[in-house]
N, C-alpha and C. Protein backbone atom coordinates (compact mmCIF):
# COMPACT_ATOMS: atom_id res chain seq x y z
N MET A 1 -2.92 -17.22 -25.47
CA MET A 1 -1.79 -16.35 -25.24
C MET A 1 -2.23 -15.05 -24.57
N ARG A 2 -3.40 -14.51 -24.97
CA ARG A 2 -3.85 -13.22 -24.45
C ARG A 2 -3.97 -13.23 -22.92
N GLY A 3 -4.55 -14.30 -22.36
CA GLY A 3 -4.79 -14.34 -20.94
C GLY A 3 -3.59 -14.80 -20.13
N MET A 4 -2.50 -15.12 -20.79
CA MET A 4 -1.33 -15.64 -20.10
C MET A 4 -0.70 -14.59 -19.19
N TYR A 5 -0.24 -15.04 -18.03
CA TYR A 5 0.44 -14.15 -17.10
C TYR A 5 1.73 -13.63 -17.76
N PRO A 6 2.05 -12.35 -17.62
CA PRO A 6 3.21 -11.79 -18.32
C PRO A 6 4.55 -12.15 -17.67
N VAL A 7 4.88 -13.42 -17.70
CA VAL A 7 6.10 -13.93 -17.07
C VAL A 7 7.34 -13.26 -17.64
N PHE A 8 7.37 -13.09 -18.96
CA PHE A 8 8.56 -12.50 -19.58
C PHE A 8 8.70 -11.02 -19.21
N ARG A 9 7.58 -10.33 -19.08
CA ARG A 9 7.64 -8.93 -18.66
C ARG A 9 8.14 -8.84 -17.22
N LEU A 10 7.66 -9.73 -16.37
CA LEU A 10 8.11 -9.75 -14.98
C LEU A 10 9.60 -10.04 -14.91
N ALA A 11 10.05 -11.04 -15.66
CA ALA A 11 11.48 -11.36 -15.69
C ALA A 11 12.29 -10.17 -16.19
N GLY A 12 11.79 -9.49 -17.20
CA GLY A 12 12.48 -8.31 -17.73
C GLY A 12 12.60 -7.21 -16.69
N GLN A 13 11.53 -6.98 -15.94
CA GLN A 13 11.57 -5.96 -14.88
C GLN A 13 12.54 -6.38 -13.78
N ALA A 14 12.49 -7.65 -13.38
CA ALA A 14 13.40 -8.12 -12.32
C ALA A 14 14.86 -7.98 -12.76
N LEU A 15 15.15 -8.31 -14.02
CA LEU A 15 16.52 -8.16 -14.53
C LEU A 15 16.92 -6.69 -14.63
N LYS A 16 16.01 -5.87 -15.10
CA LYS A 16 16.30 -4.44 -15.25
C LYS A 16 16.70 -3.80 -13.92
N PHE A 17 16.03 -4.19 -12.84
CA PHE A 17 16.26 -3.55 -11.54
C PHE A 17 17.14 -4.37 -10.60
N ARG A 18 17.70 -5.50 -11.07
CA ARG A 18 18.44 -6.39 -10.18
C ARG A 18 19.66 -5.71 -9.54
N LYS A 19 20.26 -4.75 -10.23
CA LYS A 19 21.44 -4.07 -9.68
C LYS A 19 21.13 -2.65 -9.24
N SER A 20 19.83 -2.31 -9.18
CA SER A 20 19.44 -0.99 -8.71
C SER A 20 19.70 -0.87 -7.22
N GLU A 21 19.83 0.36 -6.78
CA GLU A 21 20.02 0.60 -5.35
C GLU A 21 18.86 -0.02 -4.57
N PRO A 22 19.16 -0.66 -3.45
CA PRO A 22 18.06 -1.15 -2.61
C PRO A 22 17.22 0.03 -2.13
N LEU A 23 15.97 -0.24 -1.87
CA LEU A 23 15.08 0.78 -1.35
C LEU A 23 14.81 0.53 0.13
N ASP A 24 14.59 1.60 0.88
CA ASP A 24 14.10 1.46 2.23
C ASP A 24 12.63 1.05 2.16
N LEU A 25 12.12 0.53 3.25
CA LEU A 25 10.77 -0.05 3.27
C LEU A 25 9.70 0.89 2.72
N PHE A 26 9.80 2.18 3.01
CA PHE A 26 8.73 3.11 2.61
C PHE A 26 9.08 3.94 1.37
N ASP A 27 10.18 3.60 0.69
CA ASP A 27 10.53 4.29 -0.55
C ASP A 27 9.59 3.86 -1.67
N THR A 28 9.50 4.68 -2.69
CA THR A 28 8.66 4.39 -3.84
C THR A 28 9.50 3.79 -4.97
N HIS A 29 9.06 2.65 -5.47
CA HIS A 29 9.68 2.04 -6.65
C HIS A 29 8.97 2.61 -7.88
N VAL A 30 9.73 3.15 -8.82
CA VAL A 30 9.17 3.71 -10.04
C VAL A 30 9.61 2.84 -11.21
N SER A 31 8.65 2.43 -12.02
CA SER A 31 8.94 1.62 -13.21
C SER A 31 8.14 2.14 -14.38
N HIS A 32 8.57 1.77 -15.59
CA HIS A 32 7.89 2.23 -16.81
C HIS A 32 7.46 1.03 -17.64
N HIS A 33 6.28 1.15 -18.22
CA HIS A 33 5.66 0.05 -18.94
C HIS A 33 4.96 0.58 -20.18
N VAL A 34 4.67 -0.34 -21.10
CA VAL A 34 3.94 -0.01 -22.33
C VAL A 34 2.68 -0.86 -22.35
N CYS A 35 1.59 -0.25 -22.77
CA CYS A 35 0.34 -0.99 -22.96
C CYS A 35 0.40 -1.62 -24.36
N TRP A 36 0.51 -2.93 -24.40
CA TRP A 36 0.61 -3.65 -25.66
C TRP A 36 -0.78 -4.06 -26.15
N PRO A 37 -0.93 -4.34 -27.43
CA PRO A 37 -2.26 -4.73 -27.95
C PRO A 37 -2.90 -5.90 -27.20
N HIS A 38 -2.12 -6.85 -26.72
CA HIS A 38 -2.72 -7.98 -26.00
C HIS A 38 -3.16 -7.61 -24.57
N ASP A 39 -2.92 -6.35 -24.16
CA ASP A 39 -3.40 -5.86 -22.87
C ASP A 39 -4.78 -5.20 -22.98
N LEU A 40 -5.31 -5.10 -24.20
CA LEU A 40 -6.53 -4.33 -24.44
C LEU A 40 -7.80 -5.16 -24.27
N ASP A 41 -8.89 -4.44 -23.97
CA ASP A 41 -10.19 -5.09 -23.89
C ASP A 41 -10.98 -4.79 -25.17
N VAL A 42 -12.24 -5.12 -25.19
CA VAL A 42 -13.04 -4.90 -26.40
C VAL A 42 -13.26 -3.42 -26.71
N TRP A 43 -13.00 -2.56 -25.74
CA TRP A 43 -13.14 -1.10 -25.94
C TRP A 43 -11.81 -0.48 -26.38
N VAL A 44 -10.83 -1.33 -26.65
CA VAL A 44 -9.51 -0.93 -27.14
C VAL A 44 -8.80 -0.02 -26.13
N GLU A 45 -8.90 -0.40 -24.87
CA GLU A 45 -8.16 0.26 -23.80
C GLU A 45 -7.67 -0.80 -22.83
N LEU A 46 -6.75 -0.40 -21.97
CA LEU A 46 -6.15 -1.35 -21.03
C LEU A 46 -7.26 -2.04 -20.24
N ASN A 47 -7.28 -3.36 -20.32
CA ASN A 47 -8.27 -4.19 -19.64
C ASN A 47 -8.15 -4.02 -18.12
N ASN A 48 -9.29 -3.95 -17.44
CA ASN A 48 -9.25 -3.73 -16.00
C ASN A 48 -8.55 -4.86 -15.25
N GLY A 49 -8.74 -6.09 -15.67
CA GLY A 49 -8.04 -7.21 -15.04
C GLY A 49 -6.55 -7.19 -15.33
N ARG A 50 -6.20 -6.82 -16.54
CA ARG A 50 -4.79 -6.74 -16.92
C ARG A 50 -4.11 -5.62 -16.14
N THR A 51 -4.84 -4.56 -15.81
CA THR A 51 -4.28 -3.49 -14.99
C THR A 51 -3.76 -4.06 -13.68
N LEU A 52 -4.57 -4.89 -13.04
CA LEU A 52 -4.14 -5.50 -11.78
C LEU A 52 -2.94 -6.41 -11.98
N THR A 53 -2.92 -7.12 -13.10
CA THR A 53 -1.77 -7.98 -13.39
C THR A 53 -0.51 -7.14 -13.60
N LEU A 54 -0.63 -6.03 -14.29
CA LEU A 54 0.53 -5.16 -14.50
C LEU A 54 1.02 -4.58 -13.17
N TYR A 55 0.09 -4.31 -12.26
CA TYR A 55 0.51 -3.83 -10.93
C TYR A 55 1.39 -4.88 -10.24
N ASP A 56 1.18 -6.16 -10.54
CA ASP A 56 2.07 -7.20 -10.00
C ASP A 56 3.53 -6.91 -10.35
N LEU A 57 3.76 -6.45 -11.58
CA LEU A 57 5.13 -6.21 -12.04
C LEU A 57 5.83 -5.18 -11.16
N GLY A 58 5.14 -4.12 -10.83
CA GLY A 58 5.72 -3.10 -9.96
C GLY A 58 5.88 -3.58 -8.53
N ARG A 59 4.86 -4.28 -8.04
CA ARG A 59 4.87 -4.73 -6.65
C ARG A 59 5.96 -5.76 -6.40
N LEU A 60 6.10 -6.72 -7.30
CA LEU A 60 7.10 -7.77 -7.09
C LEU A 60 8.53 -7.22 -7.15
N VAL A 61 8.77 -6.25 -8.02
CA VAL A 61 10.11 -5.65 -8.07
C VAL A 61 10.32 -4.75 -6.85
N LEU A 62 9.27 -4.08 -6.37
CA LEU A 62 9.38 -3.33 -5.11
C LEU A 62 9.82 -4.28 -4.00
N PHE A 63 9.18 -5.45 -3.91
CA PHE A 63 9.55 -6.43 -2.87
C PHE A 63 11.00 -6.88 -3.03
N GLN A 64 11.43 -7.03 -4.28
CA GLN A 64 12.82 -7.39 -4.55
C GLN A 64 13.76 -6.31 -4.02
N ARG A 65 13.43 -5.05 -4.30
CA ARG A 65 14.34 -3.94 -3.96
C ARG A 65 14.35 -3.62 -2.47
N ILE A 66 13.27 -3.94 -1.74
CA ILE A 66 13.28 -3.68 -0.30
C ILE A 66 13.78 -4.90 0.49
N GLY A 67 14.16 -5.95 -0.22
CA GLY A 67 14.71 -7.14 0.42
C GLY A 67 13.69 -8.16 0.89
N MET A 68 12.43 -7.93 0.55
CA MET A 68 11.37 -8.83 1.02
C MET A 68 11.43 -10.19 0.32
N VAL A 69 11.80 -10.23 -0.95
CA VAL A 69 11.84 -11.50 -1.67
C VAL A 69 12.86 -12.43 -1.02
N LYS A 70 14.06 -11.92 -0.74
CA LYS A 70 15.09 -12.73 -0.10
C LYS A 70 14.64 -13.18 1.30
N LEU A 71 14.08 -12.27 2.07
CA LEU A 71 13.61 -12.59 3.41
C LEU A 71 12.55 -13.69 3.37
N MET A 72 11.65 -13.60 2.41
CA MET A 72 10.59 -14.61 2.31
C MET A 72 11.17 -15.96 1.89
N ARG A 73 12.09 -15.94 0.94
CA ARG A 73 12.74 -17.21 0.53
C ARG A 73 13.49 -17.84 1.70
N ASP A 74 14.26 -17.02 2.42
CA ASP A 74 15.06 -17.52 3.53
C ASP A 74 14.20 -18.16 4.63
N ASN A 75 12.97 -17.69 4.77
CA ASN A 75 12.09 -18.18 5.83
C ASN A 75 11.02 -19.15 5.33
N GLY A 76 11.04 -19.47 4.05
CA GLY A 76 10.04 -20.38 3.50
C GLY A 76 8.65 -19.75 3.45
N TRP A 77 8.60 -18.43 3.34
CA TRP A 77 7.33 -17.71 3.29
C TRP A 77 6.94 -17.42 1.84
N ALA A 78 5.68 -17.10 1.67
CA ALA A 78 5.16 -16.68 0.37
C ALA A 78 4.32 -15.42 0.60
N GLY A 79 3.87 -14.84 -0.48
CA GLY A 79 3.04 -13.64 -0.36
C GLY A 79 1.72 -13.84 -1.09
N THR A 80 0.72 -13.10 -0.66
CA THR A 80 -0.57 -13.17 -1.31
C THR A 80 -1.27 -11.82 -1.21
N VAL A 81 -2.12 -11.55 -2.16
CA VAL A 81 -2.99 -10.38 -2.09
C VAL A 81 -4.27 -10.82 -1.40
N ALA A 82 -4.65 -10.09 -0.36
CA ALA A 82 -5.84 -10.45 0.42
C ALA A 82 -7.00 -9.49 0.19
N GLY A 83 -6.78 -8.46 -0.62
CA GLY A 83 -7.85 -7.52 -0.93
C GLY A 83 -7.31 -6.38 -1.76
N ALA A 84 -8.19 -5.77 -2.53
CA ALA A 84 -7.78 -4.65 -3.38
C ALA A 84 -8.96 -3.72 -3.60
N SER A 85 -8.66 -2.45 -3.68
CA SER A 85 -9.64 -1.44 -4.05
C SER A 85 -8.97 -0.57 -5.11
N ILE A 86 -9.59 -0.48 -6.28
CA ILE A 86 -8.95 0.23 -7.38
C ILE A 86 -9.87 1.31 -7.94
N ARG A 87 -9.24 2.40 -8.33
CA ARG A 87 -9.93 3.50 -9.02
C ARG A 87 -9.33 3.63 -10.42
N TYR A 88 -10.20 3.71 -11.40
CA TYR A 88 -9.78 3.97 -12.78
C TYR A 88 -10.25 5.37 -13.13
N ARG A 89 -9.34 6.22 -13.63
CA ARG A 89 -9.72 7.61 -13.91
C ARG A 89 -9.38 8.09 -15.32
N ARG A 90 -8.40 7.49 -15.96
CA ARG A 90 -8.01 7.90 -17.32
C ARG A 90 -7.78 6.65 -18.16
N ARG A 91 -8.13 6.75 -19.43
CA ARG A 91 -7.93 5.61 -20.33
C ARG A 91 -6.46 5.43 -20.66
N VAL A 92 -6.06 4.18 -20.79
CA VAL A 92 -4.75 3.82 -21.30
C VAL A 92 -5.01 3.00 -22.55
N ARG A 93 -4.43 3.41 -23.64
CA ARG A 93 -4.67 2.75 -24.93
C ARG A 93 -3.38 2.11 -25.44
N ALA A 94 -3.49 1.37 -26.54
CA ALA A 94 -2.35 0.66 -27.11
C ALA A 94 -1.16 1.59 -27.32
N PHE A 95 -0.02 1.10 -26.92
CA PHE A 95 1.29 1.74 -27.06
C PHE A 95 1.49 2.96 -26.17
N HIS A 96 0.50 3.26 -25.31
CA HIS A 96 0.73 4.32 -24.34
C HIS A 96 1.81 3.88 -23.37
N LYS A 97 2.67 4.80 -23.02
CA LYS A 97 3.70 4.55 -22.01
C LYS A 97 3.18 5.04 -20.68
N ILE A 98 3.37 4.22 -19.66
CA ILE A 98 2.91 4.59 -18.32
C ILE A 98 4.05 4.48 -17.33
N GLU A 99 3.98 5.32 -16.33
CA GLU A 99 4.90 5.23 -15.19
C GLU A 99 4.10 4.64 -14.04
N MET A 100 4.68 3.64 -13.39
CA MET A 100 4.03 3.02 -12.24
C MET A 100 4.81 3.36 -10.99
N ARG A 101 4.09 3.69 -9.93
CA ARG A 101 4.69 3.99 -8.63
C ARG A 101 4.13 3.00 -7.61
N SER A 102 5.01 2.35 -6.88
CA SER A 102 4.61 1.31 -5.93
C SER A 102 5.28 1.59 -4.59
N ARG A 103 4.50 1.51 -3.50
CA ARG A 103 5.08 1.76 -2.18
C ARG A 103 4.29 1.07 -1.07
N VAL A 104 4.99 0.78 0.01
CA VAL A 104 4.37 0.24 1.22
C VAL A 104 3.85 1.43 2.03
N ILE A 105 2.63 1.33 2.54
CA ILE A 105 2.05 2.39 3.37
C ILE A 105 2.25 2.07 4.85
N GLY A 106 2.04 0.80 5.22
CA GLY A 106 2.14 0.40 6.62
C GLY A 106 1.47 -0.95 6.80
N TRP A 107 1.14 -1.27 8.05
CA TRP A 107 0.54 -2.58 8.33
C TRP A 107 -0.28 -2.52 9.60
N ASP A 108 -1.08 -3.55 9.78
CA ASP A 108 -1.81 -3.74 11.03
C ASP A 108 -1.35 -5.07 11.61
N ASP A 109 -2.16 -5.71 12.43
CA ASP A 109 -1.72 -6.95 13.08
C ASP A 109 -1.67 -8.14 12.13
N LYS A 110 -2.28 -8.02 10.93
CA LYS A 110 -2.36 -9.15 10.02
C LYS A 110 -1.82 -8.88 8.62
N PHE A 111 -2.01 -7.65 8.14
CA PHE A 111 -1.76 -7.35 6.74
C PHE A 111 -0.82 -6.16 6.53
N PHE A 112 -0.14 -6.18 5.39
CA PHE A 112 0.60 -5.03 4.89
C PHE A 112 -0.31 -4.30 3.90
N TYR A 113 -0.20 -2.98 3.85
CA TYR A 113 -0.99 -2.18 2.92
C TYR A 113 -0.05 -1.45 1.97
N LEU A 114 -0.37 -1.54 0.69
CA LEU A 114 0.45 -0.93 -0.34
C LEU A 114 -0.42 -0.06 -1.23
N ALA A 115 0.19 0.98 -1.79
CA ALA A 115 -0.48 1.82 -2.78
C ALA A 115 0.34 1.77 -4.06
N GLN A 116 -0.36 1.62 -5.17
CA GLN A 116 0.29 1.66 -6.48
C GLN A 116 -0.55 2.55 -7.39
N SER A 117 0.14 3.23 -8.28
CA SER A 117 -0.58 4.10 -9.22
C SER A 117 0.12 4.07 -10.56
N MET A 118 -0.68 4.31 -11.62
CA MET A 118 -0.15 4.43 -12.98
C MET A 118 -0.37 5.87 -13.43
N TRP A 119 0.64 6.40 -14.11
CA TRP A 119 0.63 7.79 -14.55
C TRP A 119 0.96 7.87 -16.03
N ARG A 120 0.29 8.79 -16.71
CA ARG A 120 0.57 9.04 -18.13
C ARG A 120 0.53 10.54 -18.35
N ASN A 121 1.63 11.09 -18.84
CA ASN A 121 1.71 12.52 -19.12
C ASN A 121 1.29 13.37 -17.92
N GLY A 122 1.70 12.96 -16.73
CA GLY A 122 1.42 13.73 -15.52
C GLY A 122 0.05 13.51 -14.92
N ASP A 123 -0.80 12.69 -15.55
CA ASP A 123 -2.13 12.39 -15.02
C ASP A 123 -2.15 10.97 -14.46
N CYS A 124 -2.78 10.81 -13.32
CA CYS A 124 -2.94 9.47 -12.75
C CYS A 124 -4.07 8.77 -13.49
N THR A 125 -3.76 7.59 -14.05
CA THR A 125 -4.78 6.83 -14.79
C THR A 125 -5.54 5.87 -13.89
N SER A 126 -4.85 5.34 -12.88
CA SER A 126 -5.51 4.44 -11.93
C SER A 126 -4.65 4.37 -10.65
N GLN A 127 -5.31 3.95 -9.57
CA GLN A 127 -4.61 3.73 -8.31
C GLN A 127 -5.24 2.55 -7.61
N VAL A 128 -4.40 1.72 -7.00
CA VAL A 128 -4.91 0.57 -6.26
C VAL A 128 -4.36 0.59 -4.84
N LEU A 129 -5.23 0.29 -3.89
CA LEU A 129 -4.85 0.06 -2.50
C LEU A 129 -4.93 -1.44 -2.30
N LEU A 130 -3.85 -2.03 -1.82
CA LEU A 130 -3.78 -3.48 -1.65
C LEU A 130 -3.56 -3.86 -0.21
N ARG A 131 -4.24 -4.92 0.18
CA ARG A 131 -3.98 -5.57 1.46
C ARG A 131 -3.26 -6.86 1.09
N THR A 132 -2.04 -7.03 1.60
CA THR A 132 -1.25 -8.21 1.28
C THR A 132 -0.86 -8.92 2.56
N ALA A 133 -0.54 -10.19 2.41
CA ALA A 133 -0.14 -10.98 3.57
C ALA A 133 1.09 -11.81 3.22
N VAL A 134 1.91 -12.03 4.22
CA VAL A 134 3.01 -12.98 4.13
C VAL A 134 2.48 -14.26 4.76
N THR A 135 2.69 -15.39 4.08
CA THR A 135 2.14 -16.64 4.57
C THR A 135 3.23 -17.70 4.74
N SER A 136 2.93 -18.64 5.61
CA SER A 136 3.77 -19.81 5.81
C SER A 136 2.84 -21.03 5.75
N LYS A 137 3.40 -22.20 5.92
CA LYS A 137 2.55 -23.41 5.93
C LYS A 137 1.53 -23.35 7.07
N ALA A 138 1.84 -22.60 8.12
CA ALA A 138 0.94 -22.50 9.27
C ALA A 138 -0.12 -21.41 9.10
N GLY A 139 -0.03 -20.60 8.04
CA GLY A 139 -1.01 -19.53 7.82
C GLY A 139 -0.33 -18.18 7.67
N ILE A 140 -1.05 -17.12 8.04
CA ILE A 140 -0.52 -15.76 7.90
C ILE A 140 0.57 -15.52 8.94
N VAL A 141 1.67 -14.93 8.48
CA VAL A 141 2.77 -14.52 9.36
C VAL A 141 2.51 -13.06 9.70
N SER A 142 2.50 -12.72 10.97
CA SER A 142 2.17 -11.35 11.36
C SER A 142 3.22 -10.38 10.81
N PRO A 143 2.79 -9.19 10.40
CA PRO A 143 3.74 -8.18 9.95
C PRO A 143 4.80 -7.86 11.02
N ALA A 144 4.44 -7.94 12.29
CA ALA A 144 5.42 -7.70 13.34
C ALA A 144 6.54 -8.74 13.27
N GLU A 145 6.19 -10.00 13.04
CA GLU A 145 7.21 -11.05 12.91
C GLU A 145 8.07 -10.83 11.66
N VAL A 146 7.42 -10.43 10.57
CA VAL A 146 8.14 -10.19 9.32
C VAL A 146 9.12 -9.02 9.48
N THR A 147 8.65 -7.92 10.04
CA THR A 147 9.53 -6.75 10.18
C THR A 147 10.66 -7.02 11.18
N ARG A 148 10.37 -7.76 12.24
CA ARG A 148 11.45 -8.13 13.17
C ARG A 148 12.49 -8.99 12.48
N ALA A 149 12.04 -9.94 11.64
CA ALA A 149 12.96 -10.81 10.90
C ALA A 149 13.82 -9.99 9.95
N ALA A 150 13.30 -8.86 9.51
CA ALA A 150 14.04 -7.97 8.60
C ALA A 150 14.92 -6.99 9.37
N GLY A 151 14.89 -7.07 10.70
CA GLY A 151 15.71 -6.17 11.51
C GLY A 151 15.11 -4.78 11.64
N MET A 152 13.81 -4.68 11.48
CA MET A 152 13.12 -3.39 11.56
C MET A 152 12.17 -3.37 12.75
N SER A 153 11.68 -2.20 13.05
CA SER A 153 10.70 -2.05 14.11
C SER A 153 9.41 -2.76 13.72
N PRO A 154 8.78 -3.46 14.66
CA PRO A 154 7.50 -4.11 14.36
C PRO A 154 6.33 -3.13 14.33
N ASP A 155 6.60 -1.87 14.69
CA ASP A 155 5.54 -0.87 14.76
C ASP A 155 5.37 -0.16 13.43
N SER A 156 4.15 -0.16 12.93
CA SER A 156 3.83 0.53 11.68
C SER A 156 3.64 2.01 11.93
N PRO A 157 3.98 2.83 10.96
CA PRO A 157 3.54 4.23 11.07
C PRO A 157 2.01 4.24 11.03
N ASP A 158 1.42 5.32 11.48
CA ASP A 158 -0.03 5.42 11.43
C ASP A 158 -0.50 5.31 9.98
N LEU A 159 -1.51 4.49 9.77
CA LEU A 159 -2.09 4.37 8.44
C LEU A 159 -2.94 5.61 8.17
N PRO A 160 -2.91 6.13 6.94
CA PRO A 160 -3.75 7.29 6.61
C PRO A 160 -5.22 7.00 6.86
N GLY A 161 -6.00 8.04 7.11
CA GLY A 161 -7.42 7.89 7.38
C GLY A 161 -8.17 7.15 6.30
N TRP A 162 -7.84 7.39 5.04
CA TRP A 162 -8.56 6.72 3.95
C TRP A 162 -8.28 5.23 3.93
N VAL A 163 -7.08 4.82 4.37
CA VAL A 163 -6.76 3.39 4.46
C VAL A 163 -7.52 2.78 5.65
N GLN A 164 -7.53 3.48 6.77
CA GLN A 164 -8.27 3.00 7.94
C GLN A 164 -9.76 2.87 7.63
N ALA A 165 -10.30 3.82 6.87
CA ALA A 165 -11.73 3.76 6.50
C ALA A 165 -12.00 2.54 5.63
N TRP A 166 -11.08 2.22 4.72
CA TRP A 166 -11.26 1.04 3.86
C TRP A 166 -11.20 -0.23 4.71
N ILE A 167 -10.26 -0.28 5.65
CA ILE A 167 -10.16 -1.44 6.54
C ILE A 167 -11.46 -1.62 7.32
N ALA A 168 -11.99 -0.52 7.85
CA ALA A 168 -13.25 -0.58 8.60
C ALA A 168 -14.40 -1.04 7.71
N ALA A 169 -14.45 -0.53 6.49
CA ALA A 169 -15.52 -0.94 5.56
C ALA A 169 -15.40 -2.43 5.24
N GLU A 170 -14.20 -2.91 5.03
CA GLU A 170 -13.99 -4.33 4.74
C GLU A 170 -14.40 -5.20 5.92
N ALA A 171 -14.22 -4.70 7.14
CA ALA A 171 -14.61 -5.47 8.33
C ALA A 171 -16.13 -5.64 8.41
N GLU A 172 -16.88 -4.71 7.81
CA GLU A 172 -18.34 -4.77 7.80
C GLU A 172 -18.89 -5.66 6.68
N ARG A 173 -18.07 -5.93 5.71
CA ARG A 173 -18.51 -6.70 4.55
C ARG A 173 -18.70 -8.17 4.95
N PRO A 174 -19.87 -8.73 4.66
CA PRO A 174 -20.11 -10.11 5.09
C PRO A 174 -19.22 -11.11 4.35
N TRP A 175 -18.75 -12.10 5.13
CA TRP A 175 -17.98 -13.19 4.55
C TRP A 175 -18.37 -14.47 5.24
N PRO A 176 -18.73 -15.50 4.53
CA PRO A 176 -18.81 -15.55 3.07
C PRO A 176 -19.92 -14.63 2.57
N PRO A 177 -19.84 -14.27 1.28
CA PRO A 177 -20.83 -13.35 0.73
C PRO A 177 -22.24 -13.94 0.82
N GLU A 178 -23.17 -13.05 0.94
CA GLU A 178 -24.57 -13.49 0.97
C GLU A 178 -24.98 -13.91 -0.44
N GLY A 179 -25.84 -14.93 -0.50
CA GLY A 179 -26.30 -15.50 -1.77
C GLY A 179 -26.89 -14.51 -2.67
């Protein structure tokens, strides 16, 4: 049970926000969550892997509110995370309430980039930068095609320097990994 994906929490978030105002592509989706005992690691704080799973809850509802879920269903597309860089800065313990902020930053020729953060009492506990892709049976669907299908400009705003630096660093990383 501990390692199970939080399907019920995701369903609860989707239901909670189903009638919320739609968001524009670059708006921030704000949600609130509780760290439950089954989210804890052996140090009695929010498990690092579970943190990434909880970020799914915010990201998937963000996609719902910006219309991406419907667009993907209508086109037979799916989504995937293609990379992540996370910083942990403050502990989250059992029953702590956190605010999560999720937003799209922009895209390049292949990937969308998103930033998500968790906050507790005005302090950021963690932040993740994600590289995500929309996929079809034929492979990755270019962000330009996705945004055009959504009736938006295919041109991304300029990505912040720190995002560009991460992209450049990832391009230098060997793949497949060295033994």
